[in-house]
Amino acid sequence: MSEHEKINYLELPARDIEASKAFFGKVFAWSFVDYGPDYSAFSNAGMDGGFYRSELSASSANGGALIVFYSSGLEQTQAKIEQAGGSIIKPIFSFPGGRRFHFTDPSGNEFAVWSDASD
């Protein structure tokens, strides 16, 4: 569904597109369609998007946008991320309204997961 002048699609850098697909497929159940060796589109993520091949990665420390996932079971999501090869870079911490942690994917991109539920 397209809405006029709303964010519609998200593109993320990936050093290793296959590793990124395996990670996000395992942890978040994303689906993928490849468009050549340097691009893979994803769906079932809340917003459609794609991975493009790049040696660069996104992090909030470098001024990159931080993509934040929601989880109703923060510790369980963290465990899935670690089991799939993600790295926790900021352990779970509290903030007004909930708790969250930050992680990097296999390509070094930073993400966060938050919850308003207590596990």
PDB file of N, CA and C in Angstrom:
ATOM      1  N   MET A   1       0.849  -1.165   0.000  1.00  0.00           N
ATOM      2  CA  MET A   1       0.000   0.000   0.000  1.00  0.00           C
ATOM      3  C   MET A   1       0.900   1.235   0.000  1.00  0.00           C
ATOM      4  N   SER A   2       0.701   2.108  -0.961  1.00  0.00           N
ATOM      5  CA  SER A   2       1.457   3.350  -1.027  1.00  0.00           C
ATOM      6  C   SER A   2       0.628   4.485  -0.466  1.00  0.00           C
ATOM      7  N   GLU A   3       1.254   5.294   0.364  1.00  0.00           N
ATOM      8  CA  GLU A   3       0.612   6.488   0.879  1.00  0.00           C
ATOM      9  C   GLU A   3       1.465   7.670   0.458  1.00  0.00           C
ATOM     10  N   HIS A   4       0.808   8.660  -0.098  1.00  0.00           N
ATOM     11  CA  HIS A   4       1.489   9.834  -0.616  1.00  0.00           C
ATOM     12  C   HIS A   4       2.395  10.466   0.437  1.00  0.00           C
ATOM     13  N   GLU A   5       3.667  10.631   0.100  1.00  0.00           N
ATOM     14  CA  GLU A   5       4.680  11.318   0.894  1.00  0.00           C
ATOM     15  C   GLU A   5       4.927  10.717   2.274  1.00  0.00           C
ATOM     16  N   LYS A   6       4.766   9.394   2.388  1.00  0.00           N
ATOM     17  CA  LYS A   6       5.092   8.653   3.615  1.00  0.00           C
ATOM     18  C   LYS A   6       6.288   7.746   3.327  1.00  0.00           C
ATOM     19  N   ILE A   7       7.042   7.413   4.350  1.00  0.00           N
ATOM     20  CA  ILE A   7       8.149   6.477   4.150  1.00  0.00           C
ATOM     21  C   ILE A   7       7.579   5.168   3.640  1.00  0.00           C
ATOM     22  N   ASN A   8       8.163   4.666   2.561  1.00  0.00           N
ATOM     23  CA  ASN A   8       7.589   3.526   1.868  1.00  0.00           C
ATOM     24  C   ASN A   8       8.511   2.321   1.793  1.00  0.00           C
ATOM     25  N   TYR A   9       9.817   2.530   1.857  1.00  0.00           N
ATOM     26  CA  TYR A   9      10.759   1.451   1.580  1.00  0.00           C
ATOM     27  C   TYR A   9      12.069   1.777   2.276  1.00  0.00           C
ATOM     28  N   LEU A  10      12.792   0.778   2.694  1.00  0.00           N
ATOM     29  CA  LEU A  10      14.019   0.947   3.444  1.00  0.00           C
ATOM     30  C   LEU A  10      15.124   0.127   2.789  1.00  0.00           C
ATOM     31  N   GLU A  11      16.278   0.727   2.535  1.00  0.00           N
ATOM     32  CA  GLU A  11      17.401  -0.010   1.970  1.00  0.00           C
ATOM     33  C   GLU A  11      18.566   0.022   2.950  1.00  0.00           C
ATOM     34  N   LEU A  12      19.138  -1.157   3.181  1.00  0.00           N
ATOM     35  CA  LEU A  12      20.198  -1.327   4.164  1.00  0.00           C
ATOM     36  C   LEU A  12      21.469  -1.855   3.501  1.00  0.00           C
ATOM     37  N   PRO A  13      22.646  -1.386   3.948  1.00  0.00           N
ATOM     38  CA  PRO A  13      23.893  -1.930   3.410  1.00  0.00           C
ATOM     39  C   PRO A  13      24.148  -3.328   3.969  1.00  0.00           C
ATOM     40  N   ALA A  14      24.842  -4.139   3.188  1.00  0.00           N
ATOM     41  CA  ALA A  14      25.206  -5.487   3.637  1.00  0.00           C
ATOM     42  C   ALA A  14      26.524  -5.892   2.999  1.00  0.00           C
ATOM     43  N   ARG A  15      27.506  -6.193   3.828  1.00  0.00           N
ATOM     44  CA  ARG A  15      28.779  -6.710   3.306  1.00  0.00           C
ATOM     45  C   ARG A  15      28.575  -8.090   2.699  1.00  0.00           C
ATOM     46  N   ASP A  16      27.738  -8.879   3.368  1.00  0.00           N
ATOM     47  CA  ASP A  16      27.460 -10.257   2.946  1.00  0.00           C
ATOM     48  C   ASP A  16      25.942 -10.426   2.907  1.00  0.00           C
ATOM     49  N   ILE A  17      25.373 -10.307   1.733  1.00  0.00           N
ATOM     50  CA  ILE A  17      23.918 -10.358   1.591  1.00  0.00           C
ATOM     51  C   ILE A  17      23.362 -11.701   2.041  1.00  0.00           C
ATOM     52  N   GLU A  18      24.042 -12.790   1.722  1.00  0.00           N
ATOM     53  CA  GLU A  18      23.550 -14.113   2.123  1.00  0.00           C
ATOM     54  C   GLU A  18      23.531 -14.255   3.642  1.00  0.00           C
ATOM     55  N   ALA A  19      24.555 -13.760   4.326  1.00  0.00           N
ATOM     56  CA  ALA A  19      24.588 -13.820   5.789  1.00  0.00           C
ATOM     57  C   ALA A  19      23.491 -12.945   6.388  1.00  0.00           C
ATOM     58  N   SER A  20      23.245 -11.788   5.783  1.00  0.00           N
ATOM     59  CA  SER A  20      22.173 -10.911   6.262  1.00  0.00           C
ATOM     60  C   SER A  20      20.818 -11.575   6.091  1.00  0.00           C
ATOM     61  N   LYS A  21      20.601 -12.203   4.954  1.00  0.00           N
ATOM     62  CA  LYS A  21      19.335 -12.911   4.725  1.00  0.00           C
ATOM     63  C   LYS A  21      19.153 -14.039   5.735  1.00  0.00           C
ATOM     64  N   ALA A  22      20.198 -14.814   5.974  1.00  0.00           N
ATOM     65  CA  ALA A  22      20.100 -15.919   6.927  1.00  0.00           C
ATOM     66  C   ALA A  22      19.785 -15.397   8.327  1.00  0.00           C
ATOM     67  N   PHE A  23      20.458 -14.323   8.742  1.00  0.00           N
ATOM     68  CA  PHE A  23      20.247 -13.752  10.069  1.00  0.00           C
ATOM     69  C   PHE A  23      18.824 -13.236  10.232  1.00  0.00           C
ATOM     70  N   PHE A  24      18.366 -12.350   9.350  1.00  0.00           N
ATOM     71  CA  PHE A  24      17.041 -11.751   9.504  1.00  0.00           C
ATOM     72  C   PHE A  24      15.918 -12.757   9.235  1.00  0.00           C
ATOM     73  N   GLY A  25      16.181 -13.743   8.394  1.00  0.00           N
ATOM     74  CA  GLY A  25      15.199 -14.808   8.191  1.00  0.00           C
ATOM     75  C   GLY A  25      15.023 -15.639   9.448  1.00  0.00           C
ATOM     76  N   LYS A  26      16.147 -15.974  10.102  1.00  0.00           N
ATOM     77  CA  LYS A  26      16.085 -16.807  11.302  1.00  0.00           C
ATOM     78  C   LYS A  26      15.499 -16.057  12.494  1.00  0.00           C
ATOM     79  N   VAL A  27      15.950 -14.831  12.719  1.00  0.00           N
ATOM     80  CA  VAL A  27      15.527 -14.094  13.909  1.00  0.00           C
ATOM     81  C   VAL A  27      14.133 -13.500  13.755  1.00  0.00           C
ATOM     82  N   PHE A  28      13.868 -12.855  12.623  1.00  0.00           N
ATOM     83  CA  PHE A  28      12.635 -12.079  12.466  1.00  0.00           C
ATOM     84  C   PHE A  28      11.668 -12.637  11.414  1.00  0.00           C
ATOM     85  N   ALA A  29      11.995 -13.777  10.803  1.00  0.00           N
ATOM     86  CA  ALA A  29      11.134 -14.444   9.807  1.00  0.00           C
ATOM     87  C   ALA A  29      10.861 -13.573   8.575  1.00  0.00           C
ATOM     88  N   TRP A  30      11.887 -12.820   8.149  1.00  0.00           N
ATOM     89  CA  TRP A  30      11.743 -12.035   6.926  1.00  0.00           C
ATOM     90  C   TRP A  30      11.788 -12.960   5.718  1.00  0.00           C
ATOM     91  N   SER A  31      11.173 -12.534   4.628  1.00  0.00           N
ATOM     92  CA  SER A  31      11.209 -13.238   3.349  1.00  0.00           C
ATOM     93  C   SER A  31      12.036 -12.414   2.368  1.00  0.00           C
ATOM     94  N   PHE A  32      12.623 -13.080   1.357  1.00  0.00           N
ATOM     95  CA  PHE A  32      13.541 -12.406   0.440  1.00  0.00           C
ATOM     96  C   PHE A  32      13.283 -12.763  -1.011  1.00  0.00           C
ATOM     97  N   VAL A  33      13.566 -11.815  -1.893  1.00  0.00           N
ATOM     98  CA  VAL A  33      13.582 -12.025  -3.336  1.00  0.00           C
ATOM     99  C   VAL A  33      14.870 -11.389  -3.845  1.00  0.00           C
ATOM    100  N   ASP A  34      15.711 -12.194  -4.501  1.00  0.00           N
ATOM    101  CA  ASP A  34      16.987 -11.690  -5.017  1.00  0.00           C
ATOM    102  C   ASP A  34      16.793 -11.038  -6.379  1.00  0.00           C
ATOM    103  N   TYR A  35      17.524  -9.939  -6.555  1.00  0.00           N
ATOM    104  CA  TYR A  35      17.562  -9.224  -7.829  1.00  0.00           C
ATOM    105  C   TYR A  35      19.023  -9.087  -8.222  1.00  0.00           C
ATOM    106  N   GLY A  36      19.617 -10.182  -8.646  1.00  0.00           N
ATOM    107  CA  GLY A  36      21.030 -10.203  -8.987  1.00  0.00           C
ATOM    108  C   GLY A  36      21.881 -10.442  -7.755  1.00  0.00           C
ATOM    109  N   PRO A  37      23.205 -10.455  -7.921  1.00  0.00           N
ATOM    110  CA  PRO A  37      24.102 -10.784  -6.814  1.00  0.00           C
ATOM    111  C   PRO A  37      24.290  -9.660  -5.800  1.00  0.00           C
ATOM    112  N   ASP A  38      23.876  -8.444  -6.132  1.00  0.00           N
ATOM    113  CA  ASP A  38      24.161  -7.295  -5.277  1.00  0.00           C
ATOM    114  C   ASP A  38      22.935  -6.668  -4.636  1.00  0.00           C
ATOM    115  N   TYR A  39      21.773  -7.345  -4.732  1.00  0.00           N
ATOM    116  CA  TYR A  39      20.561  -6.772  -4.136  1.00  0.00           C
ATOM    117  C   TYR A  39      19.572  -7.880  -3.802  1.00  0.00           C
ATOM    118  N   SER A  40      18.977  -7.775  -2.619  1.00  0.00           N
ATOM    119  CA  SER A  40      17.917  -8.687  -2.218  1.00  0.00           C
ATOM    120  C   SER A  40      16.836  -7.892  -1.501  1.00  0.00           C
ATOM    121  N   ALA A  41      15.608  -7.996  -1.974  1.00  0.00           N
ATOM    122  CA  ALA A  41      14.478  -7.315  -1.349  1.00  0.00           C
ATOM    123  C   ALA A  41      13.964  -8.161  -0.187  1.00  0.00           C
ATOM    124  N   PHE A  42      13.483  -7.493   0.861  1.00  0.00           N
ATOM    125  CA  PHE A  42      12.890  -8.229   1.979  1.00  0.00           C
ATOM    126  C   PHE A  42      11.460  -7.772   2.213  1.00  0.00           C
ATOM    127  N   SER A  43      10.667  -8.687   2.770  1.00  0.00           N
ATOM    128  CA  SER A  43       9.288  -8.394   3.157  1.00  0.00           C
ATOM    129  C   SER A  43       9.016  -9.110   4.475  1.00  0.00           C
ATOM    130  N   ASN A  44       7.835  -8.889   5.020  1.00  0.00           N
ATOM    131  CA  ASN A  44       7.430  -9.438   6.318  1.00  0.00           C
ATOM    132  C   ASN A  44       8.241  -8.811   7.453  1.00  0.00           C
ATOM    133  N   ALA A  45       8.653  -7.544   7.257  1.00  0.00           N
ATOM    134  CA  ALA A  45       9.472  -6.853   8.255  1.00  0.00           C
ATOM    135  C   ALA A  45       8.727  -5.686   8.898  1.00  0.00           C
ATOM    136  N   GLY A  46       7.475  -5.478   8.545  1.00  0.00           N
ATOM    137  CA  GLY A  46       6.743  -4.302   8.996  1.00  0.00           C
ATOM    138  C   GLY A  46       6.799  -3.203   7.957  1.00  0.00           C
ATOM    139  N   MET A  47       7.892  -3.130   7.235  1.00  0.00           N
ATOM    140  CA  MET A  47       8.091  -2.230   6.097  1.00  0.00           C
ATOM    141  C   MET A  47       8.963  -2.986   5.112  1.00  0.00           C
ATOM    142  N   ASP A  48       8.600  -2.984   3.844  1.00  0.00           N
ATOM    143  CA  ASP A  48       9.418  -3.655   2.843  1.00  0.00           C
ATOM    144  C   ASP A  48      10.699  -2.873   2.606  1.00  0.00           C
ATOM    145  N   GLY A  49      11.706  -3.580   2.140  1.00  0.00           N
ATOM    146  CA  GLY A  49      12.981  -2.934   1.870  1.00  0.00           C
ATOM    147  C   GLY A  49      13.913  -3.879   1.156  1.00  0.00           C
ATOM    148  N   GLY A  50      15.194  -3.585   1.231  1.00  0.00           N
ATOM    149  CA  GLY A  50      16.170  -4.425   0.564  1.00  0.00           C
ATOM    150  C   GLY A  50      17.560  -4.229   1.129  1.00  0.00           C
ATOM    151  N   PHE A  51      18.415  -5.211   0.826  1.00  0.00           N
ATOM    152  CA  PHE A  51      19.832  -5.141   1.149  1.00  0.00           C
ATOM    153  C   PHE A  51      20.595  -4.883  -0.142  1.00  0.00           C
ATOM    154  N   TYR A  52      21.512  -3.929  -0.112  1.00  0.00           N
ATOM    155  CA  TYR A  52      22.408  -3.693  -1.242  1.00  0.00           C
ATOM    156  C   TYR A  52      23.835  -3.960  -0.776  1.00  0.00           C
ATOM    157  N   ARG A  53      24.653  -4.490  -1.667  1.00  0.00           N
ATOM    158  CA  ARG A  53      26.020  -4.832  -1.303  1.00  0.00           C
ATOM    159  C   ARG A  53      26.820  -3.557  -1.049  1.00  0.00           C
ATOM    160  N   SER A  54      27.484  -3.518   0.117  1.00  0.00           N
ATOM    161  CA  SER A  54      28.300  -2.375   0.493  1.00  0.00           C
ATOM    162  C   SER A  54      29.292  -2.802   1.560  1.00  0.00           C
ATOM    163  N   GLU A  55      30.474  -2.248   1.532  1.00  0.00           N
ATOM    164  CA  GLU A  55      31.458  -2.493   2.586  1.00  0.00           C
ATOM    165  C   GLU A  55      31.216  -1.597   3.797  1.00  0.00           C
ATOM    166  N   LEU A  56      30.324  -0.624   3.663  1.00  0.00           N
ATOM    167  CA  LEU A  56      29.993   0.279   4.756  1.00  0.00           C
ATOM    168  C   LEU A  56      28.889  -0.327   5.614  1.00  0.00           C
ATOM    169  N   SER A  57      28.750   0.176   6.841  1.00  0.00           N
ATOM    170  CA  SER A  57      27.656  -0.255   7.703  1.00  0.00           C
ATOM    171  C   SER A  57      27.067   0.972   8.389  1.00  0.00           C
ATOM    172  N   ALA A  58      25.850   0.825   8.888  1.00  0.00           N
ATOM    173  CA  ALA A  58      25.128   1.929   9.524  1.00  0.00           C
ATOM    174  C   ALA A  58      25.230   1.811  11.041  1.00  0.00           C
ATOM    175  N   SER A  59      25.545   2.940  11.701  1.00  0.00           N
ATOM    176  CA  SER A  59      25.548   2.962  13.158  1.00  0.00           C
ATOM    177  C   SER A  59      25.133   4.346  13.630  1.00  0.00           C
ATOM    178  N   SER A  60      24.512   4.393  14.787  1.00  0.00           N
ATOM    179  CA  SER A  60      24.076   5.680  15.332  1.00  0.00           C
ATOM    180  C   SER A  60      25.284   6.542  15.706  1.00  0.00           C
ATOM    181  N   ALA A  61      26.406   5.934  16.073  1.00  0.00           N
ATOM    182  CA  ALA A  61      27.604   6.692  16.423  1.00  0.00           C
ATOM    183  C   ALA A  61      28.141   7.472  15.223  1.00  0.00           C
ATOM    184  N   ASN A  62      27.883   6.976  14.018  1.00  0.00           N
ATOM    185  CA  ASN A  62      28.327   7.650  12.799  1.00  0.00           C
ATOM    186  C   ASN A  62      27.232   8.494  12.177  1.00  0.00           C
ATOM    187  N   GLY A  63      26.137   8.714  12.908  1.00  0.00           N
ATOM    188  CA  GLY A  63      25.061   9.553  12.403  1.00  0.00           C
ATOM    189  C   GLY A  63      24.023   8.821  11.584  1.00  0.00           C
ATOM    190  N   GLY A  64      24.084   7.494  11.520  1.00  0.00           N
ATOM    191  CA  GLY A  64      23.106   6.714  10.778  1.00  0.00           C
ATOM    192  C   GLY A  64      21.784   6.644  11.529  1.00  0.00           C
ATOM    193  N   ALA A  65      20.709   6.467  10.784  1.00  0.00           N
ATOM    194  CA  ALA A  65      19.393   6.282  11.404  1.00  0.00           C
ATOM    195  C   ALA A  65      19.392   4.965  12.174  1.00  0.00           C
ATOM    196  N   LEU A  66      18.742   4.945  13.316  1.00  0.00           N
ATOM    197  CA  LEU A  66      18.646   3.731  14.128  1.00  0.00           C
ATOM    198  C   LEU A  66      17.277   3.109  13.908  1.00  0.00           C
ATOM    199  N   ILE A  67      17.268   1.901  13.396  1.00  0.00           N
ATOM    200  CA  ILE A  67      16.020   1.157  13.206  1.00  0.00           C
ATOM    201  C   ILE A  67      15.754   0.386  14.494  1.00  0.00           C
ATOM    202  N   VAL A  68      14.547   0.542  15.037  1.00  0.00           N
ATOM    203  CA  VAL A  68      14.198  -0.043  16.328  1.00  0.00           C
ATOM    204  C   VAL A  68      13.040  -1.020  16.134  1.00  0.00           C
ATOM    205  N   PHE A  69      13.257  -2.262  16.546  1.00  0.00           N
ATOM    206  CA  PHE A  69      12.236  -3.300  16.513  1.00  0.00           C
ATOM    207  C   PHE A  69      11.478  -3.290  17.836  1.00  0.00           C
ATOM    208  N   TYR A  70      10.230  -3.764  17.817  1.00  0.00           N
ATOM    209  CA  TYR A  70       9.463  -3.970  19.046  1.00  0.00           C
ATOM    210  C   TYR A  70       9.445  -5.464  19.356  1.00  0.00           C
ATOM    211  N   SER A  71       9.495  -5.808  20.645  1.00  0.00           N
ATOM    212  CA  SER A  71       9.389  -7.194  21.079  1.00  0.00           C
ATOM    213  C   SER A  71       8.537  -7.259  22.332  1.00  0.00           C
ATOM    214  N   SER A  72       7.664  -8.240  22.398  1.00  0.00           N
ATOM    215  CA  SER A  72       6.899  -8.458  23.635  1.00  0.00           C
ATOM    216  C   SER A  72       7.670  -9.348  24.600  1.00  0.00           C
ATOM    217  N   GLY A  73       8.817  -9.886  24.169  1.00  0.00           N
ATOM    218  CA  GLY A  73       9.683 -10.716  25.014  1.00  0.00           C
ATOM    219  C   GLY A  73      11.138 -10.357  24.758  1.00  0.00           C
ATOM    220  N   LEU A  74      11.612  -9.311  25.392  1.00  0.00           N
ATOM    221  CA  LEU A  74      12.928  -8.745  25.104  1.00  0.00           C
ATOM    222  C   LEU A  74      14.061  -9.757  25.264  1.00  0.00           C
ATOM    223  N   GLU A  75      14.087 -10.485  26.361  1.00  0.00           N
ATOM    224  CA  GLU A  75      15.161 -11.451  26.591  1.00  0.00           C
ATOM    225  C   GLU A  75      15.139 -12.567  25.547  1.00  0.00           C
ATOM    226  N   GLN A  76      13.958 -13.021  25.157  1.00  0.00           N
ATOM    227  CA  GLN A  76      13.856 -14.075  24.151  1.00  0.00           C
ATOM    228  C   GLN A  76      14.366 -13.575  22.793  1.00  0.00           C
ATOM    229  N   THR A  77      14.026 -12.343  22.449  1.00  0.00           N
ATOM    230  CA  THR A  77      14.510 -11.786  21.181  1.00  0.00           C
ATOM    231  C   THR A  77      16.024 -11.625  21.224  1.00  0.00           C
ATOM    232  N   GLN A  78      16.550 -11.173  22.345  1.00  0.00           N
ATOM    233  CA  GLN A  78      18.004 -11.049  22.471  1.00  0.00           C
ATOM    234  C   GLN A  78      18.679 -12.406  22.290  1.00  0.00           C
ATOM    235  N   ALA A  79      18.124 -13.439  22.891  1.00  0.00           N
ATOM    236  CA  ALA A  79      18.702 -14.780  22.758  1.00  0.00           C
ATOM    237  C   ALA A  79      18.685 -15.243  21.303  1.00  0.00           C
ATOM    238  N   LYS A  80      17.605 -14.990  20.589  1.00  0.00           N
ATOM    239  CA  LYS A  80      17.529 -15.359  19.173  1.00  0.00           C
ATOM    240  C   LYS A  80      18.597 -14.631  18.358  1.00  0.00           C
ATOM    241  N   ILE A  81      18.783 -13.357  18.647  1.00  0.00           N
ATOM    242  CA  ILE A  81      19.787 -12.562  17.937  1.00  0.00           C
ATOM    243  C   ILE A  81      21.183 -13.128  18.175  1.00  0.00           C
ATOM    244  N   GLU A  82      21.493 -13.434  19.423  1.00  0.00           N
ATOM    245  CA  GLU A  82      22.812 -13.981  19.751  1.00  0.00           C
ATOM    246  C   GLU A  82      23.009 -15.354  19.113  1.00  0.00           C
ATOM    247  N   GLN A  83      21.973 -16.207  19.137  1.00  0.00           N
ATOM    248  CA  GLN A  83      22.075 -17.540  18.549  1.00  0.00           C
ATOM    249  C   GLN A  83      22.258 -17.485  17.036  1.00  0.00           C
ATOM    250  N   ALA A  84      21.755 -16.422  16.394  1.00  0.00           N
ATOM    251  CA  ALA A  84      21.858 -16.290  14.936  1.00  0.00           C
ATOM    252  C   ALA A  84      23.138 -15.570  14.507  1.00  0.00           C
ATOM    253  N   GLY A  85      23.982 -15.164  15.469  1.00  0.00           N
ATOM    254  CA  GLY A  85      25.253 -14.545  15.118  1.00  0.00           C
ATOM    255  C   GLY A  85      25.306 -13.043  15.259  1.00  0.00           C
ATOM    256  N   GLY A  86      24.257 -12.425  15.824  1.00  0.00           N
ATOM    257  CA  GLY A  86      24.290 -10.994  16.093  1.00  0.00           C
ATOM    258  C   GLY A  86      25.112 -10.719  17.342  1.00  0.00           C
ATOM    259  N   SER A  87      25.573  -9.479  17.470  1.00  0.00           N
ATOM    260  CA  SER A  87      26.369  -9.081  18.636  1.00  0.00           C
ATOM    261  C   SER A  87      25.634  -8.005  19.422  1.00  0.00           C
ATOM    262  N   ILE A  88      25.512  -8.206  20.723  1.00  0.00           N
ATOM    263  CA  ILE A  88      24.886  -7.202  21.591  1.00  0.00           C
ATOM    264  C   ILE A  88      25.933  -6.128  21.878  1.00  0.00           C
ATOM    265  N   ILE A  89      25.626  -4.882  21.513  1.00  0.00           N
ATOM    266  CA  ILE A  89      26.594  -3.803  21.723  1.00  0.00           C
ATOM    267  C   ILE A  89      26.171  -2.865  22.859  1.00  0.00           C
ATOM    268  N   LYS A  90      24.899  -2.889  23.248  1.00  0.00           N
ATOM    269  CA  LYS A  90      24.410  -2.188  24.434  1.00  0.00           C
ATOM    270  C   LYS A  90      23.448  -3.138  25.122  1.00  0.00           C
ATOM    271  N   PRO A  91      23.807  -3.653  26.301  1.00  0.00           N
ATOM    272  CA  PRO A  91      22.917  -4.586  26.999  1.00  0.00           C
ATOM    273  C   PRO A  91      21.585  -3.917  27.356  1.00  0.00           C
ATOM    274  N   ILE A  92      20.637  -4.725  27.757  1.00  0.00           N
ATOM    275  CA  ILE A  92      19.299  -4.226  28.106  1.00  0.00           C
ATOM    276  C   ILE A  92      19.409  -3.127  29.157  1.00  0.00           C
ATOM    277  N   PHE A  93      18.739  -2.023  28.889  1.00  0.00           N
ATOM    278  CA  PHE A  93      18.684  -0.905  29.830  1.00  0.00           C
ATOM    279  C   PHE A  93      17.279  -0.345  29.856  1.00  0.00           C
ATOM    280  N   SER A  94      16.942   0.311  30.948  1.00  0.00           N
ATOM    281  CA  SER A  94      15.615   0.914  31.102  1.00  0.00           C
ATOM    282  C   SER A  94      15.636   2.348  30.624  1.00  0.00           C
ATOM    283  N   PHE A  95      14.497   2.797  30.135  1.00  0.00           N
ATOM    284  CA  PHE A  95      14.282   4.187  29.764  1.00  0.00           C
ATOM    285  C   PHE A  95      12.817   4.492  30.055  1.00  0.00           C
ATOM    286  N   PRO A  96      12.425   5.767  30.130  1.00  0.00           N
ATOM    287  CA  PRO A  96      11.012   6.066  30.401  1.00  0.00           C
ATOM    288  C   PRO A  96      10.116   5.414  29.341  1.00  0.00           C
ATOM    289  N   GLY A  97       9.278   4.492  29.767  1.00  0.00           N
ATOM    290  CA  GLY A  97       8.379   3.811  28.837  1.00  0.00           C
ATOM    291  C   GLY A  97       8.743   2.385  28.522  1.00  0.00           C
ATOM    292  N   GLY A  98       9.922   1.914  28.949  1.00  0.00           N
ATOM    293  CA  GLY A  98      10.262   0.535  28.649  1.00  0.00           C
ATOM    294  C   GLY A  98      11.724   0.205  28.854  1.00  0.00           C
ATOM    295  N   ARG A  99      12.167  -0.820  28.116  1.00  0.00           N
ATOM    296  CA  ARG A  99      13.551  -1.287  28.149  1.00  0.00           C
ATOM    297  C   ARG A  99      13.977  -1.578  26.718  1.00  0.00           C
ATOM    298  N   ARG A 100      15.296  -1.552  26.473  1.00  0.00           N
ATOM    299  CA  ARG A 100      15.784  -1.895  25.140  1.00  0.00           C
ATOM    300  C   ARG A 100      17.245  -2.306  25.183  1.00  0.00           C
ATOM    301  N   PHE A 101      17.703  -2.851  24.061  1.00  0.00           N
ATOM    302  CA  PHE A 101      19.118  -3.165  23.857  1.00  0.00           C
ATOM    303  C   PHE A 101      19.460  -2.868  22.403  1.00  0.00           C
ATOM    304  N   HIS A 102      20.761  -2.752  22.120  1.00  0.00           N
ATOM    305  CA  HIS A 102      21.231  -2.518  20.753  1.00  0.00           C
ATOM    306  C   HIS A 102      22.068  -3.709  20.314  1.00  0.00           C
ATOM    307  N   PHE A 103      22.029  -4.016  19.024  1.00  0.00           N
ATOM    308  CA  PHE A 103      22.815  -5.116  18.485  1.00  0.00           C
ATOM    309  C   PHE A 103      23.316  -4.759  17.097  1.00  0.00           C
ATOM    310  N   THR A 104      24.304  -5.523  16.630  1.00  0.00           N
ATOM    311  CA  THR A 104      24.733  -5.422  15.238  1.00  0.00           C
ATOM    312  C   THR A 104      24.436  -6.735  14.541  1.00  0.00           C
ATOM    313  N   ASP A 105      24.106  -6.623  13.264  1.00  0.00           N
ATOM    314  CA  ASP A 105      23.865  -7.792  12.424  1.00  0.00           C
ATOM    315  C   ASP A 105      25.204  -8.286  11.860  1.00  0.00           C
ATOM    316  N   PRO A 106      25.209  -9.381  11.083  1.00  0.00           N
ATOM    317  CA  PRO A 106      26.475  -9.899  10.545  1.00  0.00           C
ATOM    318  C   PRO A 106      27.236  -8.909   9.656  1.00  0.00           C
ATOM    319  N   SER A 107      26.568  -7.890   9.128  1.00  0.00           N
ATOM    320  CA  SER A 107      27.253  -6.894   8.301  1.00  0.00           C
ATOM    321  C   SER A 107      27.708  -5.678   9.097  1.00  0.00           C
ATOM    322  N   GLY A 108      27.475  -5.679  10.424  1.00  0.00           N
ATOM    323  CA  GLY A 108      27.933  -4.593  11.263  1.00  0.00           C
ATOM    324  C   GLY A 108      26.958  -3.445  11.431  1.00  0.00           C
ATOM    325  N   ASN A 109      25.733  -3.576  10.899  1.00  0.00           N
ATOM    326  CA  ASN A 109      24.726  -2.525  11.055  1.00  0.00           C
ATOM    327  C   ASN A 109      24.131  -2.571  12.458  1.00  0.00           C
ATOM    328  N   GLU A 110      23.927  -1.396  13.042  1.00  0.00           N
ATOM    329  CA  GLU A 110      23.359  -1.298  14.381  1.00  0.00           C
ATOM    330  C   GLU A 110      21.837  -1.204  14.318  1.00  0.00           C
ATOM    331  N   PHE A 111      21.186  -1.925  15.221  1.00  0.00           N
ATOM    332  CA  PHE A 111      19.740  -1.896  15.397  1.00  0.00           C
ATOM    333  C   PHE A 111      19.452  -1.884  16.892  1.00  0.00           C
ATOM    334  N   ALA A 112      18.205  -1.632  17.257  1.00  0.00           N
ATOM    335  CA  ALA A 112      17.787  -1.727  18.655  1.00  0.00           C
ATOM    336  C   ALA A 112      16.488  -2.513  18.715  1.00  0.00           C
ATOM    337  N   VAL A 113      16.212  -3.066  19.878  1.00  0.00           N
ATOM    338  CA  VAL A 113      14.942  -3.749  20.152  1.00  0.00           C
ATOM    339  C   VAL A 113      14.439  -3.184  21.473  1.00  0.00           C
ATOM    340  N   TRP A 114      13.149  -2.801  21.503  1.00  0.00           N
ATOM    341  CA  TRP A 114      12.577  -2.253  22.724  1.00  0.00           C
ATOM    342  C   TRP A 114      11.327  -3.027  23.094  1.00  0.00           C
ATOM    343  N   SER A 115      10.931  -2.874  24.352  1.00  0.00           N
ATOM    344  CA  SER A 115       9.710  -3.491  24.835  1.00  0.00           C
ATOM    345  C   SER A 115       9.118  -2.636  25.953  1.00  0.00           C
ATOM    346  N   ASP A 116       7.791  -2.620  25.971  1.00  0.00           N
ATOM    347  CA  ASP A 116       7.102  -2.001  27.098  1.00  0.00           C
ATOM    348  C   ASP A 116       6.607  -3.065  28.062  1.00  0.00           C
ATOM    349  N   ALA A 117       6.884  -4.337  27.733  1.00  0.00           N
ATOM    350  CA  ALA A 117       6.484  -5.454  28.582  1.00  0.00           C
ATOM    351  C   ALA A 117       7.669  -5.887  29.454  1.00  0.00           C
ATOM    352  N   SER A 118       7.399  -6.332  30.651  1.00  0.00           N
ATOM    353  CA  SER A 118       8.468  -6.867  31.488  1.00  0.00           C
ATOM    354  C   SER A 118       8.505  -8.377  31.299  1.00  0.00           C
ATOM    355  N   ASP A 119       9.667  -8.906  30.990  1.00  0.00           N
ATOM    356  CA  ASP A 119       9.828 -10.358  30.762  1.00  0.00           C
ATOM    357  C   ASP A 119       9.837 -11.106  32.062  1.00  0.00           C
TER     358      ASP A 119
END
